[in-house]
Amino acid sequence: MLSPAQLQAFEQNGYHLIDNLLNHDLLEQMRYAFDRLDRYRNLLDLDNSFLQVASHPVLYSAIASILDSPPQLLQFDGINRQSGQGDQTWHADFLFYCGRPLMLNVGIYLDDLKPNNGPLYLVPKSHRFGQLPPSNSDQLPDQVCLAVSAGSAVIFDCALWHRGGGNFSNQPRRAIFPTYGHYWMKRFESWMPEPATSRFPNANTPELRTLLGISLEQPSAYSGYDENLRVRKDQDGNWL
């Protein structure tokens, strides 16, 4: 769970770094699983072992504390930036901002993130702008360049302006990106497969089923609802 000071910093700047989220064994396992892939959409449908990262207790706790509600995994993709690939353009994954985070992206890096192999560029506070960044600029005012060790994670508001730098090293740069939202949100891409028990037969706890969107097993969002209060309507619109 993030401390009050860390939550305040995230609210202000729009990102938070978790150094060395993955221990050595888990990092090596994720590298092995990643290197067996030939595509990088919907990683959990390609190899269920990635769920260990998506549900990692340290990451889960941080995400839940930022959202202030049980998180749901909305998307989980990977990026394999090859040697010689240039800079990404500046972009935001989501534009709407209402004073509270709605969706969070997480970059979990399987290789050391260095200035020459595709670092992550961010513009702090840009998640509050409510607009897309200029796409024709390489450098933006107040941008920061993050270089982190392999196994580390960067959580950032999906509305934050960001881009991946070019890979000018002689090695690929591998990363996985789970995206989280509130437990009551829908998937935001039409090509995302529907959550179903058949996809995740080992989802055996209420928290995990909610995280995967299989079922809502959390307290009502209305908080004080009570069947005995008789404040609900039937299918014909009559008060019960």
C-alpha atoms as a PDB file:
ATOM      1  CA  MET A   1       0.000   0.000   0.000  1.00  0.00           C
ATOM      2  CA  LEU A   2       1.267   3.473  -0.818  1.00  0.00           C
ATOM      3  CA  SER A   3       1.867   5.894   2.032  1.00  0.00           C
ATOM      4  CA  PRO A   4      -0.119   9.173   2.223  1.00  0.00           C
ATOM      5  CA  ALA A   5       2.961  11.030   0.968  1.00  0.00           C
ATOM      6  CA  GLN A   6       3.336   8.650  -1.994  1.00  0.00           C
ATOM      7  CA  LEU A   7      -0.361   8.961  -2.845  1.00  0.00           C
ATOM      8  CA  GLN A   8      -0.086  12.739  -2.748  1.00  0.00           C
ATOM      9  CA  ALA A   9       2.947  12.609  -5.033  1.00  0.00           C
ATOM     10  CA  PHE A  10       1.101  10.331  -7.455  1.00  0.00           C
ATOM     11  CA  GLU A  11      -1.925  12.619  -7.488  1.00  0.00           C
ATOM     12  CA  GLN A  12       0.337  15.559  -8.280  1.00  0.00           C
ATOM     13  CA  ASN A  13       2.767  13.983 -10.754  1.00  0.00           C
ATOM     14  CA  GLY A  14       0.796  11.058 -12.182  1.00  0.00           C
ATOM     15  CA  TYR A  15       3.351   8.273 -11.736  1.00  0.00           C
ATOM     16  CA  HIS A  16       5.022   6.086  -9.102  1.00  0.00           C
ATOM     17  CA  LEU A  17       8.116   3.861  -9.300  1.00  0.00           C
ATOM     18  CA  ILE A  18       8.442   0.480  -7.578  1.00  0.00           C
ATOM     19  CA  ASP A  19      12.084  -0.593  -7.646  1.00  0.00           C
ATOM     20  CA  ASN A  20      12.777  -4.313  -8.075  1.00  0.00           C
ATOM     21  CA  LEU A  21       9.142  -5.446  -7.965  1.00  0.00           C
ATOM     22  CA  LEU A  22      10.121  -8.850  -9.373  1.00  0.00           C
ATOM     23  CA  ASN A  23      12.657 -10.929  -7.499  1.00  0.00           C
ATOM     24  CA  HIS A  24      15.384 -12.709  -9.439  1.00  0.00           C
ATOM     25  CA  ASP A  25      13.512 -16.013  -9.901  1.00  0.00           C
ATOM     26  CA  LEU A  26      10.251 -14.400 -11.001  1.00  0.00           C
ATOM     27  CA  LEU A  27      12.100 -12.059 -13.364  1.00  0.00           C
ATOM     28  CA  GLU A  28      13.861 -14.998 -15.016  1.00  0.00           C
ATOM     29  CA  GLN A  29      10.569 -16.882 -15.285  1.00  0.00           C
ATOM     30  CA  MET A  30       8.900 -13.899 -16.975  1.00  0.00           C
ATOM     31  CA  ARG A  31      11.832 -13.480 -19.367  1.00  0.00           C
ATOM     32  CA  TYR A  32      11.581 -17.149 -20.338  1.00  0.00           C
ATOM     33  CA  ALA A  33       7.817 -16.891 -20.885  1.00  0.00           C
ATOM     34  CA  PHE A  34       8.186 -13.650 -22.850  1.00  0.00           C
ATOM     35  CA  ASP A  35      10.881 -15.034 -25.156  1.00  0.00           C
ATOM     36  CA  ARG A  36       8.602 -17.906 -26.167  1.00  0.00           C
ATOM     37  CA  LEU A  37       5.967 -15.491 -27.520  1.00  0.00           C
ATOM     38  CA  ASP A  38       5.527 -14.493 -31.141  1.00  0.00           C
ATOM     39  CA  ARG A  39       2.869 -11.865 -30.400  1.00  0.00           C
ATOM     40  CA  TYR A  40       2.199  -9.614 -27.444  1.00  0.00           C
ATOM     41  CA  ARG A  41      -1.558  -8.969 -27.107  1.00  0.00           C
ATOM     42  CA  ASN A  42      -3.552 -10.449 -24.209  1.00  0.00           C
ATOM     43  CA  LEU A  43      -0.593 -12.081 -22.503  1.00  0.00           C
ATOM     44  CA  LEU A  44      -2.714 -14.082 -20.062  1.00  0.00           C
ATOM     45  CA  ASP A  45      -4.279 -15.980 -22.968  1.00  0.00           C
ATOM     46  CA  LEU A  46      -0.819 -16.809 -24.299  1.00  0.00           C
ATOM     47  CA  ASP A  47       0.767 -17.857 -21.003  1.00  0.00           C
ATOM     48  CA  ASN A  48      -1.108 -17.880 -17.714  1.00  0.00           C
ATOM     49  CA  SER A  49       2.149 -17.537 -15.772  1.00  0.00           C
ATOM     50  CA  PHE A  50       1.990 -13.769 -16.385  1.00  0.00           C
ATOM     51  CA  LEU A  51      -0.849 -13.671 -13.869  1.00  0.00           C
ATOM     52  CA  GLN A  52       1.827 -13.876 -11.155  1.00  0.00           C
ATOM     53  CA  VAL A  53       2.837 -10.358 -12.147  1.00  0.00           C
ATOM     54  CA  ALA A  54      -0.646  -8.938 -12.699  1.00  0.00           C
ATOM     55  CA  SER A  55      -1.710 -10.128  -9.233  1.00  0.00           C
ATOM     56  CA  HIS A  56       1.629  -9.511  -7.494  1.00  0.00           C
ATOM     57  CA  PRO A  57       0.697  -8.501  -3.909  1.00  0.00           C
ATOM     58  CA  VAL A  58       2.970  -5.437  -3.839  1.00  0.00           C
ATOM     59  CA  LEU A  59       1.669  -4.188  -7.191  1.00  0.00           C
ATOM     60  CA  TYR A  60      -1.950  -5.085  -6.364  1.00  0.00           C
ATOM     61  CA  SER A  61      -1.755  -3.194  -3.073  1.00  0.00           C
ATOM     62  CA  ALA A  62      -0.274  -0.107  -4.746  1.00  0.00           C
ATOM     63  CA  ILE A  63      -2.898  -0.110  -7.502  1.00  0.00           C
ATOM     64  CA  ALA A  64      -5.757  -0.602  -5.022  1.00  0.00           C
ATOM     65  CA  SER A  65      -4.541   2.261  -2.844  1.00  0.00           C
ATOM     66  CA  ILE A  66      -4.277   4.649  -5.813  1.00  0.00           C
ATOM     67  CA  LEU A  67      -7.713   3.737  -7.183  1.00  0.00           C
ATOM     68  CA  ASP A  68      -9.168   3.524  -3.670  1.00  0.00           C
ATOM     69  CA  SER A  69     -11.256   0.566  -4.810  1.00  0.00           C
ATOM     70  CA  PRO A  70     -10.658  -3.078  -5.814  1.00  0.00           C
ATOM     71  CA  PRO A  71      -8.806  -3.055  -9.162  1.00  0.00           C
ATOM     72  CA  GLN A  72      -9.767  -4.854 -12.336  1.00  0.00           C
ATOM     73  CA  LEU A  73      -7.263  -5.888 -15.000  1.00  0.00           C
ATOM     74  CA  LEU A  74      -8.463  -4.238 -18.220  1.00  0.00           C
ATOM     75  CA  GLN A  75      -5.629  -5.163 -20.566  1.00  0.00           C
ATOM     76  CA  PHE A  76      -2.251  -6.919 -20.451  1.00  0.00           C
ATOM     77  CA  ASP A  77       0.144  -6.586 -23.374  1.00  0.00           C
ATOM     78  CA  GLY A  78       3.871  -6.715 -23.997  1.00  0.00           C
ATOM     79  CA  ILE A  79       6.384  -4.690 -25.995  1.00  0.00           C
ATOM     80  CA  ASN A  80       9.571  -6.042 -27.550  1.00  0.00           C
ATOM     81  CA  ARG A  81      11.510  -3.038 -28.869  1.00  0.00           C
ATOM     82  CA  GLN A  82      14.197  -4.299 -31.197  1.00  0.00           C
ATOM     83  CA  SER A  83      17.608  -2.755 -31.742  1.00  0.00           C
ATOM     84  CA  GLY A  84      17.320   0.154 -34.171  1.00  0.00           C
ATOM     85  CA  GLN A  85      13.677   0.952 -33.489  1.00  0.00           C
ATOM     86  CA  GLY A  86      13.152   4.715 -33.152  1.00  0.00           C
ATOM     87  CA  ASP A  87      11.251   6.873 -30.706  1.00  0.00           C
ATOM     88  CA  GLN A  88       7.540   6.477 -30.132  1.00  0.00           C
ATOM     89  CA  THR A  89       5.411   9.579 -30.533  1.00  0.00           C
ATOM     90  CA  TRP A  90       4.027  11.282 -27.453  1.00  0.00           C
ATOM     91  CA  HIS A  91       0.603   9.966 -26.506  1.00  0.00           C
ATOM     92  CA  ALA A  92      -1.850   9.369 -23.675  1.00  0.00           C
ATOM     93  CA  ASP A  93      -3.737   6.099 -23.300  1.00  0.00           C
ATOM     94  CA  PHE A  94      -6.827   7.822 -21.903  1.00  0.00           C
ATOM     95  CA  LEU A  95      -7.956  11.451 -21.878  1.00  0.00           C
ATOM     96  CA  PHE A  96     -10.701  11.801 -19.307  1.00  0.00           C
ATOM     97  CA  TYR A  97      -9.700  13.224 -15.922  1.00  0.00           C
ATOM     98  CA  CYS A  98     -12.186  13.835 -13.124  1.00  0.00           C
ATOM     99  CA  GLY A  99      -9.930  14.624 -10.184  1.00  0.00           C
ATOM    100  CA  ARG A 100      -9.344  10.931  -9.392  1.00  0.00           C
ATOM    101  CA  PRO A 101      -7.466   8.261 -11.379  1.00  0.00           C
ATOM    102  CA  LEU A 102      -9.701   6.069 -13.501  1.00  0.00           C
ATOM    103  CA  MET A 103      -7.177   3.861 -15.277  1.00  0.00           C
ATOM    104  CA  LEU A 104      -3.554   3.014 -14.509  1.00  0.00           C
ATOM    105  CA  ASN A 105      -0.932   1.596 -16.837  1.00  0.00           C
ATOM    106  CA  VAL A 106       2.106  -0.226 -15.463  1.00  0.00           C
ATOM    107  CA  GLY A 107       5.378  -0.728 -17.292  1.00  0.00           C
ATOM    108  CA  ILE A 108       7.239  -3.719 -15.830  1.00  0.00           C
ATOM    109  CA  TYR A 109      10.656  -3.935 -17.430  1.00  0.00           C
ATOM    110  CA  LEU A 110      12.334  -7.266 -18.093  1.00  0.00           C
ATOM    111  CA  ASP A 111      15.592  -5.562 -19.048  1.00  0.00           C
ATOM    112  CA  ASP A 112      17.472  -2.669 -17.511  1.00  0.00           C
ATOM    113  CA  LEU A 113      15.911   0.510 -18.843  1.00  0.00           C
ATOM    114  CA  LYS A 114      18.787   2.708 -20.027  1.00  0.00           C
ATOM    115  CA  PRO A 115      18.992   6.028 -21.891  1.00  0.00           C
ATOM    116  CA  ASN A 116      20.064   4.207 -25.084  1.00  0.00           C
ATOM    117  CA  ASN A 117      17.683   1.222 -25.199  1.00  0.00           C
ATOM    118  CA  GLY A 118      14.198   2.729 -25.050  1.00  0.00           C
ATOM    119  CA  PRO A 119      13.730   4.624 -21.780  1.00  0.00           C
ATOM    120  CA  LEU A 120      10.326   5.822 -20.634  1.00  0.00           C
ATOM    121  CA  TYR A 121       9.692   9.545 -21.085  1.00  0.00           C
ATOM    122  CA  LEU A 122       6.939  11.175 -19.009  1.00  0.00           C
ATOM    123  CA  VAL A 123       5.585  14.683 -18.523  1.00  0.00           C
ATOM    124  CA  PRO A 124       4.655  15.003 -14.834  1.00  0.00           C
ATOM    125  CA  LYS A 125       1.255  16.594 -14.115  1.00  0.00           C
ATOM    126  CA  SER A 126       0.125  16.129 -17.750  1.00  0.00           C
ATOM    127  CA  HIS A 127      -2.593  13.682 -16.645  1.00  0.00           C
ATOM    128  CA  ARG A 128      -4.562  16.768 -15.569  1.00  0.00           C
ATOM    129  CA  PHE A 129      -4.389  18.501 -18.962  1.00  0.00           C
ATOM    130  CA  GLY A 130      -7.338  16.647 -20.522  1.00  0.00           C
ATOM    131  CA  GLN A 131      -5.898  16.750 -24.035  1.00  0.00           C
ATOM    132  CA  LEU A 132      -3.531  14.876 -26.323  1.00  0.00           C
ATOM    133  CA  PRO A 133       0.137  15.891 -26.441  1.00  0.00           C
ATOM    134  CA  PRO A 134       1.606  17.371 -29.624  1.00  0.00           C
ATOM    135  CA  SER A 135       2.653  14.491 -31.856  1.00  0.00           C
ATOM    136  CA  ASN A 136       5.257  16.411 -33.838  1.00  0.00           C
ATOM    137  CA  SER A 137       7.607  17.222 -30.941  1.00  0.00           C
ATOM    138  CA  ASP A 138      10.546  15.147 -29.744  1.00  0.00           C
ATOM    139  CA  GLN A 139      11.157  17.208 -26.630  1.00  0.00           C
ATOM    140  CA  LEU A 140       8.456  18.607 -24.365  1.00  0.00           C
ATOM    141  CA  PRO A 141       8.809  21.069 -21.486  1.00  0.00           C
ATOM    142  CA  ASP A 142       9.217  19.413 -18.090  1.00  0.00           C
ATOM    143  CA  GLN A 143       9.682  15.917 -19.540  1.00  0.00           C
ATOM    144  CA  VAL A 144      11.590  13.376 -17.457  1.00  0.00           C
ATOM    145  CA  CYS A 145      13.479  10.302 -18.646  1.00  0.00           C
ATOM    146  CA  LEU A 146      13.221   7.224 -16.434  1.00  0.00           C
ATOM    147  CA  ALA A 147      15.993   4.627 -16.405  1.00  0.00           C
ATOM    148  CA  VAL A 148      15.251   1.730 -14.022  1.00  0.00           C
ATOM    149  CA  SER A 149      16.654  -1.707 -13.273  1.00  0.00           C
ATOM    150  CA  ALA A 150      15.168  -4.893 -14.676  1.00  0.00           C
ATOM    151  CA  GLY A 151      12.213  -6.127 -12.633  1.00  0.00           C
ATOM    152  CA  SER A 152      11.147  -2.617 -11.648  1.00  0.00           C
ATOM    153  CA  ALA A 153       7.688  -1.194 -12.345  1.00  0.00           C
ATOM    154  CA  VAL A 154       6.420   2.270 -13.224  1.00  0.00           C
ATOM    155  CA  ILE A 155       2.756   2.916 -12.442  1.00  0.00           C
ATOM    156  CA  PHE A 156       1.317   5.881 -14.304  1.00  0.00           C
ATOM    157  CA  ASP A 157      -2.094   7.431 -14.846  1.00  0.00           C
ATOM    158  CA  CYS A 158      -3.340   6.437 -18.301  1.00  0.00           C
ATOM    159  CA  ALA A 159      -3.972  10.126 -19.033  1.00  0.00           C
ATOM    160  CA  LEU A 160      -0.288  10.987 -18.464  1.00  0.00           C
ATOM    161  CA  TRP A 161       1.696  12.015 -21.541  1.00  0.00           C
ATOM    162  CA  HIS A 162       4.413   9.459 -22.250  1.00  0.00           C
ATOM    163  CA  ARG A 163       6.431   7.711 -24.934  1.00  0.00           C
ATOM    164  CA  GLY A 164       9.091   5.044 -25.281  1.00  0.00           C
ATOM    165  CA  GLY A 165      12.489   6.216 -26.466  1.00  0.00           C
ATOM    166  CA  GLY A 166      14.369   4.669 -29.362  1.00  0.00           C
ATOM    167  CA  ASN A 167      16.435   1.538 -28.870  1.00  0.00           C
ATOM    168  CA  PHE A 168      19.956   2.351 -30.020  1.00  0.00           C
ATOM    169  CA  SER A 169      21.580  -0.548 -28.155  1.00  0.00           C
ATOM    170  CA  ASN A 170      22.452  -3.924 -29.673  1.00  0.00           C
ATOM    171  CA  GLN A 171      19.900  -5.818 -27.566  1.00  0.00           C
ATOM    172  CA  PRO A 172      16.073  -5.898 -27.509  1.00  0.00           C
ATOM    173  CA  ARG A 173      14.232  -4.134 -24.704  1.00  0.00           C
ATOM    174  CA  ARG A 174      11.382  -6.239 -23.292  1.00  0.00           C
ATOM    175  CA  ALA A 175       8.532  -5.020 -21.112  1.00  0.00           C
ATOM    176  CA  ILE A 176       5.042  -6.076 -20.065  1.00  0.00           C
ATOM    177  CA  PHE A 177       2.171  -3.662 -19.491  1.00  0.00           C
ATOM    178  CA  PRO A 178      -0.846  -4.584 -17.357  1.00  0.00           C
ATOM    179  CA  THR A 179      -3.546  -1.893 -17.322  1.00  0.00           C
ATOM    180  CA  TYR A 180      -5.929  -1.578 -14.385  1.00  0.00           C
ATOM    181  CA  GLY A 181      -9.190   0.208 -13.687  1.00  0.00           C
ATOM    182  CA  HIS A 182     -11.921   0.215 -11.072  1.00  0.00           C
ATOM    183  CA  TYR A 183     -13.775  -3.052 -10.547  1.00  0.00           C
ATOM    184  CA  TRP A 184     -16.956  -1.571 -12.059  1.00  0.00           C
ATOM    185  CA  MET A 185     -15.378  -0.580 -15.398  1.00  0.00           C
ATOM    186  CA  LYS A 186     -15.812  -2.290 -18.751  1.00  0.00           C
ATOM    187  CA  ARG A 187     -13.017  -3.291 -21.104  1.00  0.00           C
ATOM    188  CA  PHE A 188     -12.040  -0.358 -23.283  1.00  0.00           C
ATOM    189  CA  GLU A 189     -11.062  -2.178 -26.491  1.00  0.00           C
ATOM    190  CA  SER A 190     -13.526  -4.091 -28.662  1.00  0.00           C
ATOM    191  CA  TRP A 191     -10.957  -6.788 -29.442  1.00  0.00           C
ATOM    192  CA  MET A 192     -10.461  -7.656 -25.771  1.00  0.00           C
ATOM    193  CA  PRO A 193     -11.835 -11.147 -24.997  1.00  0.00           C
ATOM    194  CA  GLU A 194     -14.658 -11.344 -22.507  1.00  0.00           C
ATOM    195  CA  PRO A 195     -13.627 -12.372 -18.989  1.00  0.00           C
ATOM    196  CA  ALA A 196     -14.792 -15.915 -18.282  1.00  0.00           C
ATOM    197  CA  THR A 197     -14.063 -18.671 -15.815  1.00  0.00           C
ATOM    198  CA  SER A 198     -12.994 -20.902 -18.727  1.00  0.00           C
ATOM    199  CA  ARG A 199     -10.106 -18.510 -19.457  1.00  0.00           C
ATOM    200  CA  PHE A 200      -8.954 -18.498 -15.850  1.00  0.00           C
ATOM    201  CA  PRO A 201      -9.892 -21.828 -14.225  1.00  0.00           C
ATOM    202  CA  ASN A 202      -7.437 -21.274 -11.357  1.00  0.00           C
ATOM    203  CA  ALA A 203      -8.986 -17.964 -10.256  1.00  0.00           C
ATOM    204  CA  ASN A 204     -10.004 -19.318  -6.862  1.00  0.00           C
ATOM    205  CA  THR A 205     -10.343 -16.254  -4.625  1.00  0.00           C
ATOM    206  CA  PRO A 206     -12.887 -13.410  -4.671  1.00  0.00           C
ATOM    207  CA  GLU A 207     -10.101 -10.858  -5.101  1.00  0.00           C
ATOM    208  CA  LEU A 208      -8.654 -12.697  -8.105  1.00  0.00           C
ATOM    209  CA  ARG A 209     -12.060 -13.155  -9.755  1.00  0.00           C
ATOM    210  CA  THR A 210     -12.765  -9.454  -9.341  1.00  0.00           C
ATOM    211  CA  LEU A 211      -9.285  -8.565 -10.629  1.00  0.00           C
ATOM    212  CA  LEU A 212      -9.882 -10.624 -13.777  1.00  0.00           C
ATOM    213  CA  GLY A 213     -13.422  -9.294 -14.248  1.00  0.00           C
ATOM    214  CA  ILE A 214     -14.996 -12.743 -14.009  1.00  0.00           C
ATOM    215  CA  SER A 215     -17.474 -11.748 -11.323  1.00  0.00           C
ATOM    216  CA  LEU A 216     -18.144  -8.928  -8.930  1.00  0.00           C
ATOM    217  CA  GLU A 217     -17.508 -10.287  -5.465  1.00  0.00           C
ATOM    218  CA  GLN A 218     -16.979  -7.018  -3.635  1.00  0.00           C
ATOM    219  CA  PRO A 219     -19.317  -4.966  -1.430  1.00  0.00           C
ATOM    220  CA  SER A 220     -21.960  -2.970  -3.273  1.00  0.00           C
ATOM    221  CA  ALA A 221     -20.829   0.375  -4.672  1.00  0.00           C
ATOM    222  CA  TYR A 222     -23.945   1.823  -3.012  1.00  0.00           C
ATOM    223  CA  SER A 223     -22.455   0.983   0.401  1.00  0.00           C
ATOM    224  CA  GLY A 224     -25.587   1.124   2.530  1.00  0.00           C
ATOM    225  CA  TYR A 225     -27.947  -1.039   0.493  1.00  0.00           C
ATOM    226  CA  ASP A 226     -30.128  -3.313   2.569  1.00  0.00           C
ATOM    227  CA  GLU A 227     -32.788  -5.683   1.229  1.00  0.00           C
ATOM    228  CA  ASN A 228     -34.923  -4.918   4.282  1.00  0.00           C
ATOM    229  CA  LEU A 229     -35.154  -1.232   3.348  1.00  0.00           C
ATOM    230  CA  ARG A 230     -37.364  -2.146   0.385  1.00  0.00           C
ATOM    231  CA  VAL A 231     -35.971   0.595  -1.841  1.00  0.00           C
ATOM    232  CA  ARG A 232     -35.580  -1.459  -5.008  1.00  0.00           C
ATOM    233  CA  LYS A 233     -37.840  -1.688  -8.065  1.00  0.00           C
ATOM    234  CA  ASP A 234     -38.917  -4.866  -9.838  1.00  0.00           C
ATOM    235  CA  GLN A 235     -38.684  -5.411 -13.608  1.00  0.00           C
ATOM    236  CA  ASP A 236     -41.961  -3.517 -14.126  1.00  0.00           C
ATOM    237  CA  GLY A 237     -40.721  -0.472 -12.230  1.00  0.00           C
ATOM    238  CA  ASN A 238     -42.806  -1.070  -9.109  1.00  0.00           C
ATOM    239  CA  TRP A 239     -41.260  -0.419  -5.710  1.00  0.00           C
ATOM    240  CA  LEU A 240     -40.624  -3.611  -3.774  1.00  0.00           C
END
